[in-house]
Amino acid sequence: MKQIHTIAALAAFLAIASPAFADEPAKVAVKTSLNLTSQPEPGYPYLAQRASLSGSCRLAADIDQGKVADVRVVSCSSGLFRNEAVRTARALTFAPNTTMANAGVEIRWDAPKPQPRKMLTASRD
């Protein structure tokens, strides 16, 4: 329950705070030792992006004939990334004859560094 209150407080703060992102977009990478034939563009979880959080999730995927049959989260730096990591891993496609249990998949989100903002001041002119 405490985690829900913490996430709700973070969401409320981020709703009123203006984003301080650099002009460059956030970077998201999917790594695996197997041959990927297609992968979706992973999304950046809204709250994590607004807070400029970077993170990663390690997953274990069961692959049957090139398609992901099951995904388990092994570790995740923040719960904010967990759902997006699982969604992305389920959509991965491997070479057609690939069948493997517990294939390692890592997804990493790198937020751009916040840039200093100019102070706007009112003038009497």
N, C-alpha and C. Protein backbone atom coordinates (compact mmCIF):
# COMPACT_ATOMS: atom_id res chain seq x y z
N MET A 1 0.83 -1.19 0.00
CA MET A 1 0.00 0.00 0.00
C MET A 1 0.87 1.25 0.00
N LYS A 2 2.01 1.17 0.72
CA LYS A 2 2.92 2.32 0.79
C LYS A 2 3.45 2.66 -0.60
N GLN A 3 3.73 1.61 -1.41
CA GLN A 3 4.24 1.84 -2.76
C GLN A 3 3.19 2.57 -3.62
N ILE A 4 1.93 2.25 -3.44
CA ILE A 4 0.86 2.93 -4.20
C ILE A 4 0.82 4.40 -3.85
N HIS A 5 0.95 4.72 -2.55
CA HIS A 5 0.96 6.12 -2.13
C HIS A 5 2.17 6.86 -2.69
N THR A 6 3.32 6.19 -2.72
CA THR A 6 4.53 6.80 -3.26
C THR A 6 4.37 7.09 -4.75
N ILE A 7 3.84 6.13 -5.49
CA ILE A 7 3.64 6.31 -6.93
C ILE A 7 2.60 7.40 -7.18
N ALA A 8 1.54 7.43 -6.37
CA ALA A 8 0.51 8.46 -6.54
C ALA A 8 1.08 9.85 -6.26
N ALA A 9 1.93 9.97 -5.25
CA ALA A 9 2.56 11.26 -4.95
C ALA A 9 3.49 11.68 -6.07
N LEU A 10 4.25 10.73 -6.61
CA LEU A 10 5.13 11.04 -7.73
C LEU A 10 4.33 11.47 -8.95
N ALA A 11 3.23 10.81 -9.22
CA ALA A 11 2.38 11.17 -10.36
C ALA A 11 1.79 12.57 -10.18
N ALA A 12 1.36 12.89 -8.99
CA ALA A 12 0.80 14.22 -8.73
C ALA A 12 1.86 15.30 -8.92
N PHE A 13 3.06 15.05 -8.42
CA PHE A 13 4.15 16.01 -8.59
C PHE A 13 4.48 16.21 -10.07
N LEU A 14 4.58 15.11 -10.79
CA LEU A 14 4.96 15.19 -12.20
C LEU A 14 3.87 15.83 -13.06
N ALA A 15 2.63 15.73 -12.61
CA ALA A 15 1.54 16.33 -13.37
C ALA A 15 1.61 17.85 -13.37
N ILE A 16 2.16 18.42 -12.30
CA ILE A 16 2.25 19.88 -12.25
C ILE A 16 3.63 20.40 -12.61
N ALA A 17 4.65 19.53 -12.55
CA ALA A 17 6.00 19.97 -12.90
C ALA A 17 6.15 19.93 -14.42
N SER A 18 6.80 20.93 -14.97
CA SER A 18 7.01 20.91 -16.42
C SER A 18 8.24 20.08 -16.73
N PRO A 19 8.24 19.37 -17.85
CA PRO A 19 9.36 18.50 -18.16
C PRO A 19 10.63 19.31 -18.42
N ALA A 20 11.76 18.73 -18.07
CA ALA A 20 13.05 19.40 -18.27
C ALA A 20 13.93 18.51 -19.14
N PHE A 21 13.41 18.08 -20.28
CA PHE A 21 14.14 17.16 -21.12
C PHE A 21 15.02 17.90 -22.11
N ALA A 22 16.07 17.23 -22.50
CA ALA A 22 16.93 17.77 -23.55
C ALA A 22 16.19 17.65 -24.88
N ASP A 23 16.75 18.26 -25.90
CA ASP A 23 16.14 18.16 -27.22
C ASP A 23 16.26 16.75 -27.79
N GLU A 24 17.23 15.99 -27.31
CA GLU A 24 17.41 14.63 -27.81
C GLU A 24 16.35 13.71 -27.19
N PRO A 25 15.89 12.71 -27.95
CA PRO A 25 14.89 11.79 -27.40
C PRO A 25 15.53 10.78 -26.45
N ALA A 26 14.70 10.15 -25.65
CA ALA A 26 15.18 9.09 -24.77
C ALA A 26 15.62 7.91 -25.63
N LYS A 27 16.57 7.14 -25.12
CA LYS A 27 17.08 5.98 -25.87
C LYS A 27 16.60 4.71 -25.19
N VAL A 28 16.12 3.77 -26.01
CA VAL A 28 15.67 2.48 -25.50
C VAL A 28 16.35 1.40 -26.33
N ALA A 29 16.94 0.40 -25.67
CA ALA A 29 17.65 -0.67 -26.38
C ALA A 29 17.20 -2.03 -25.88
N VAL A 30 17.10 -2.99 -26.81
CA VAL A 30 16.77 -4.37 -26.49
C VAL A 30 17.99 -5.21 -26.83
N LYS A 31 18.47 -6.00 -25.86
CA LYS A 31 19.64 -6.85 -26.09
C LYS A 31 19.28 -8.31 -25.83
N THR A 32 19.77 -9.17 -26.71
CA THR A 32 19.64 -10.61 -26.53
C THR A 32 20.73 -11.28 -27.35
N SER A 33 21.14 -12.47 -26.96
CA SER A 33 22.19 -13.17 -27.70
C SER A 33 21.62 -13.91 -28.91
N LEU A 34 20.31 -14.00 -29.01
CA LEU A 34 19.68 -14.71 -30.12
C LEU A 34 19.43 -13.77 -31.29
N ASN A 35 19.16 -14.36 -32.45
CA ASN A 35 18.94 -13.61 -33.67
C ASN A 35 17.49 -13.10 -33.74
N LEU A 36 17.31 -11.80 -33.54
CA LEU A 36 15.98 -11.19 -33.65
C LEU A 36 15.64 -10.95 -35.11
N THR A 37 14.41 -11.26 -35.49
CA THR A 37 13.96 -10.94 -36.85
C THR A 37 13.10 -9.69 -36.85
N SER A 38 12.45 -9.41 -35.73
CA SER A 38 11.69 -8.15 -35.60
C SER A 38 11.49 -7.85 -34.12
N GLN A 39 11.37 -6.57 -33.86
CA GLN A 39 11.09 -6.13 -32.50
C GLN A 39 10.30 -4.84 -32.57
N PRO A 40 9.37 -4.66 -31.63
CA PRO A 40 8.64 -3.40 -31.60
C PRO A 40 9.53 -2.30 -31.04
N GLU A 41 9.18 -1.08 -31.27
CA GLU A 41 9.88 0.03 -30.64
C GLU A 41 9.36 0.12 -29.21
N PRO A 42 10.21 -0.18 -28.22
CA PRO A 42 9.72 -0.13 -26.84
C PRO A 42 9.31 1.29 -26.47
N GLY A 43 8.24 1.39 -25.72
CA GLY A 43 7.81 2.69 -25.25
C GLY A 43 8.56 3.08 -23.99
N TYR A 44 8.50 4.36 -23.66
CA TYR A 44 9.12 4.85 -22.42
C TYR A 44 7.98 5.11 -21.46
N PRO A 45 7.91 4.40 -20.34
CA PRO A 45 6.80 4.61 -19.41
C PRO A 45 6.67 6.09 -19.03
N TYR A 46 5.45 6.58 -19.06
CA TYR A 46 5.17 8.01 -18.88
C TYR A 46 5.79 8.58 -17.61
N LEU A 47 5.52 7.95 -16.46
CA LEU A 47 6.03 8.49 -15.20
C LEU A 47 7.55 8.47 -15.15
N ALA A 48 8.15 7.42 -15.69
CA ALA A 48 9.61 7.33 -15.70
C ALA A 48 10.20 8.42 -16.59
N GLN A 49 9.57 8.67 -17.72
CA GLN A 49 10.07 9.69 -18.63
C GLN A 49 9.93 11.08 -18.01
N ARG A 50 8.79 11.35 -17.41
CA ARG A 50 8.57 12.66 -16.78
C ARG A 50 9.56 12.92 -15.66
N ALA A 51 9.98 11.86 -14.96
CA ALA A 51 10.93 12.00 -13.86
C ALA A 51 12.38 11.87 -14.33
N SER A 52 12.58 11.73 -15.65
CA SER A 52 13.92 11.54 -16.23
C SER A 52 14.64 10.34 -15.62
N LEU A 53 13.90 9.26 -15.40
CA LEU A 53 14.49 8.04 -14.84
C LEU A 53 15.03 7.14 -15.94
N SER A 54 16.21 6.62 -15.73
CA SER A 54 16.78 5.58 -16.58
C SER A 54 16.63 4.28 -15.83
N GLY A 55 16.60 3.17 -16.55
CA GLY A 55 16.48 1.89 -15.88
C GLY A 55 16.60 0.74 -16.85
N SER A 56 16.57 -0.47 -16.30
CA SER A 56 16.65 -1.66 -17.13
C SER A 56 15.89 -2.80 -16.49
N CYS A 57 15.49 -3.75 -17.32
CA CYS A 57 14.83 -4.97 -16.85
C CYS A 57 15.50 -6.15 -17.54
N ARG A 58 15.74 -7.20 -16.78
CA ARG A 58 16.23 -8.47 -17.33
C ARG A 58 15.06 -9.45 -17.29
N LEU A 59 14.88 -10.12 -18.41
CA LEU A 59 13.75 -11.04 -18.54
C LEU A 59 14.24 -12.41 -19.00
N ALA A 60 13.47 -13.43 -18.70
CA ALA A 60 13.71 -14.78 -19.21
C ALA A 60 12.52 -15.12 -20.10
N ALA A 61 12.80 -15.46 -21.34
CA ALA A 61 11.72 -15.75 -22.29
C ALA A 61 11.82 -17.19 -22.78
N ASP A 62 10.68 -17.83 -22.86
CA ASP A 62 10.61 -19.15 -23.48
C ASP A 62 10.19 -18.93 -24.93
N ILE A 63 11.00 -19.43 -25.86
CA ILE A 63 10.75 -19.21 -27.28
C ILE A 63 10.43 -20.54 -27.93
N ASP A 64 9.36 -20.56 -28.71
CA ASP A 64 8.94 -21.76 -29.42
C ASP A 64 8.74 -21.40 -30.89
N GLN A 65 9.56 -21.98 -31.74
CA GLN A 65 9.50 -21.75 -33.18
C GLN A 65 9.55 -20.26 -33.53
N GLY A 66 10.42 -19.53 -32.85
CA GLY A 66 10.64 -18.13 -33.16
C GLY A 66 9.71 -17.14 -32.47
N LYS A 67 8.70 -17.66 -31.78
CA LYS A 67 7.75 -16.77 -31.11
C LYS A 67 7.88 -16.92 -29.60
N VAL A 68 7.69 -15.82 -28.90
CA VAL A 68 7.79 -15.83 -27.44
C VAL A 68 6.52 -16.47 -26.86
N ALA A 69 6.72 -17.56 -26.12
CA ALA A 69 5.60 -18.28 -25.53
C ALA A 69 5.32 -17.80 -24.11
N ASP A 70 6.38 -17.42 -23.38
CA ASP A 70 6.21 -17.00 -21.99
C ASP A 70 7.36 -16.06 -21.63
N VAL A 71 7.07 -15.12 -20.73
CA VAL A 71 8.07 -14.15 -20.28
C VAL A 71 8.00 -14.04 -18.76
N ARG A 72 9.18 -14.04 -18.12
CA ARG A 72 9.26 -13.82 -16.69
C ARG A 72 10.26 -12.71 -16.41
N VAL A 73 9.93 -11.84 -15.48
CA VAL A 73 10.84 -10.76 -15.09
C VAL A 73 11.83 -11.34 -14.09
N VAL A 74 13.12 -11.25 -14.41
CA VAL A 74 14.18 -11.72 -13.51
C VAL A 74 14.54 -10.60 -12.55
N SER A 75 14.76 -9.41 -13.08
CA SER A 75 15.03 -8.24 -12.25
C SER A 75 14.64 -6.99 -13.02
N CYS A 76 14.32 -5.95 -12.26
CA CYS A 76 13.92 -4.69 -12.87
C CYS A 76 14.34 -3.57 -11.93
N SER A 77 14.98 -2.54 -12.47
CA SER A 77 15.48 -1.47 -11.62
C SER A 77 14.36 -0.66 -10.98
N SER A 78 13.19 -0.64 -11.60
CA SER A 78 12.04 0.08 -11.06
C SER A 78 10.77 -0.58 -11.57
N GLY A 79 9.77 -0.62 -10.73
CA GLY A 79 8.48 -1.17 -11.13
C GLY A 79 7.84 -0.37 -12.26
N LEU A 80 8.28 0.88 -12.45
CA LEU A 80 7.73 1.70 -13.53
C LEU A 80 8.04 1.12 -14.91
N PHE A 81 9.11 0.33 -15.03
CA PHE A 81 9.51 -0.22 -16.33
C PHE A 81 8.98 -1.63 -16.57
N ARG A 82 8.49 -2.29 -15.54
CA ARG A 82 8.13 -3.70 -15.62
C ARG A 82 7.10 -4.03 -16.71
N ASN A 83 5.97 -3.34 -16.73
CA ASN A 83 4.91 -3.66 -17.71
C ASN A 83 5.37 -3.45 -19.15
N GLU A 84 6.10 -2.36 -19.39
CA GLU A 84 6.59 -2.09 -20.74
C GLU A 84 7.61 -3.13 -21.18
N ALA A 85 8.44 -3.59 -20.24
CA ALA A 85 9.43 -4.62 -20.56
C ALA A 85 8.74 -5.92 -20.98
N VAL A 86 7.74 -6.34 -20.24
CA VAL A 86 7.01 -7.57 -20.56
C VAL A 86 6.28 -7.43 -21.89
N ARG A 87 5.63 -6.28 -22.11
CA ARG A 87 4.92 -6.05 -23.38
C ARG A 87 5.87 -6.12 -24.56
N THR A 88 7.03 -5.50 -24.42
CA THR A 88 8.01 -5.50 -25.50
C THR A 88 8.56 -6.90 -25.75
N ALA A 89 8.91 -7.62 -24.69
CA ALA A 89 9.47 -8.97 -24.84
C ALA A 89 8.47 -9.91 -25.50
N ARG A 90 7.20 -9.79 -25.16
CA ARG A 90 6.17 -10.67 -25.77
C ARG A 90 6.05 -10.45 -27.28
N ALA A 91 6.39 -9.26 -27.75
CA ALA A 91 6.25 -8.93 -29.17
C ALA A 91 7.50 -9.23 -30.00
N LEU A 92 8.58 -9.68 -29.35
CA LEU A 92 9.80 -10.00 -30.10
C LEU A 92 9.58 -11.22 -30.99
N THR A 93 10.25 -11.24 -32.13
CA THR A 93 10.21 -12.38 -33.04
C THR A 93 11.64 -12.79 -33.35
N PHE A 94 11.90 -14.09 -33.25
CA PHE A 94 13.22 -14.64 -33.49
C PHE A 94 13.22 -15.46 -34.78
N ALA A 95 14.39 -15.94 -35.17
CA ALA A 95 14.49 -16.78 -36.37
C ALA A 95 13.48 -17.93 -36.25
N PRO A 96 12.86 -18.33 -37.38
CA PRO A 96 11.75 -19.29 -37.34
C PRO A 96 12.02 -20.61 -36.61
N ASN A 97 13.22 -21.14 -36.65
CA ASN A 97 13.48 -22.43 -36.02
C ASN A 97 14.03 -22.31 -34.60
N THR A 98 13.97 -21.11 -34.02
CA THR A 98 14.52 -20.90 -32.68
C THR A 98 13.55 -21.42 -31.63
N THR A 99 14.04 -22.35 -30.80
CA THR A 99 13.27 -22.85 -29.67
C THR A 99 14.24 -22.90 -28.49
N MET A 100 13.89 -22.20 -27.42
CA MET A 100 14.79 -22.12 -26.28
C MET A 100 14.01 -21.73 -25.02
N ALA A 101 14.40 -22.32 -23.91
CA ALA A 101 13.81 -21.95 -22.62
C ALA A 101 14.75 -20.99 -21.91
N ASN A 102 14.17 -20.05 -21.21
CA ASN A 102 14.93 -19.08 -20.40
C ASN A 102 15.96 -18.27 -21.20
N ALA A 103 15.59 -17.84 -22.38
CA ALA A 103 16.48 -16.99 -23.18
C ALA A 103 16.55 -15.63 -22.50
N GLY A 104 17.75 -15.11 -22.35
CA GLY A 104 17.93 -13.83 -21.70
C GLY A 104 17.61 -12.66 -22.61
N VAL A 105 16.84 -11.72 -22.08
CA VAL A 105 16.50 -10.49 -22.81
C VAL A 105 16.71 -9.34 -21.82
N GLU A 106 17.39 -8.30 -22.26
CA GLU A 106 17.56 -7.11 -21.43
C GLU A 106 17.05 -5.91 -22.19
N ILE A 107 16.27 -5.09 -21.51
CA ILE A 107 15.75 -3.85 -22.10
C ILE A 107 16.22 -2.71 -21.22
N ARG A 108 16.82 -1.70 -21.85
CA ARG A 108 17.38 -0.57 -21.11
C ARG A 108 16.79 0.73 -21.63
N TRP A 109 16.38 1.59 -20.69
CA TRP A 109 15.86 2.91 -20.98
C TRP A 109 16.85 3.94 -20.48
N ASP A 110 17.30 4.83 -21.35
CA ASP A 110 18.22 5.90 -20.96
C ASP A 110 17.54 7.24 -21.20
N ALA A 111 17.22 7.92 -20.12
CA ALA A 111 16.57 9.23 -20.21
C ALA A 111 17.61 10.28 -20.59
N PRO A 112 17.22 11.25 -21.40
CA PRO A 112 18.15 12.35 -21.68
C PRO A 112 18.39 13.15 -20.41
N LYS A 113 19.53 13.73 -20.31
CA LYS A 113 19.86 14.54 -19.14
C LYS A 113 19.04 15.83 -19.17
N PRO A 114 18.49 16.25 -18.02
CA PRO A 114 17.74 17.51 -17.98
C PRO A 114 18.66 18.68 -18.33
N GLN A 115 18.13 19.63 -19.05
CA GLN A 115 18.87 20.82 -19.43
C GLN A 115 18.45 21.98 -18.54
N PRO A 116 19.40 22.85 -18.20
CA PRO A 116 19.01 24.02 -17.40
C PRO A 116 18.05 24.89 -18.20
N ARG A 117 17.12 25.49 -17.50
CA ARG A 117 16.13 26.34 -18.17
C ARG A 117 16.47 27.80 -17.95
N LYS A 118 16.07 28.60 -18.91
CA LYS A 118 16.24 30.05 -18.77
C LYS A 118 15.14 30.57 -17.88
N MET A 119 15.50 31.50 -17.05
CA MET A 119 14.51 32.15 -16.20
C MET A 119 13.83 33.26 -17.01
N LEU A 120 12.55 33.25 -17.01
CA LEU A 120 11.81 34.31 -17.67
C LEU A 120 11.48 35.39 -16.63
N THR A 121 11.76 36.61 -17.00
CA THR A 121 11.48 37.71 -16.07
C THR A 121 10.63 38.74 -16.76
N ALA A 122 9.84 39.42 -16.00
CA ALA A 122 9.00 40.48 -16.55
C ALA A 122 9.81 41.78 -16.55
N SER A 123 9.60 42.55 -17.57
CA SER A 123 10.27 43.86 -17.61
C SER A 123 9.22 44.96 -17.64
N ARG A 124 9.63 46.12 -17.29
CA ARG A 124 8.68 47.23 -17.24
C ARG A 124 8.55 47.92 -18.59
N ASP A 125 9.32 47.54 -19.55
CA ASP A 125 9.29 48.21 -20.87
C ASP A 125 8.07 47.85 -21.65
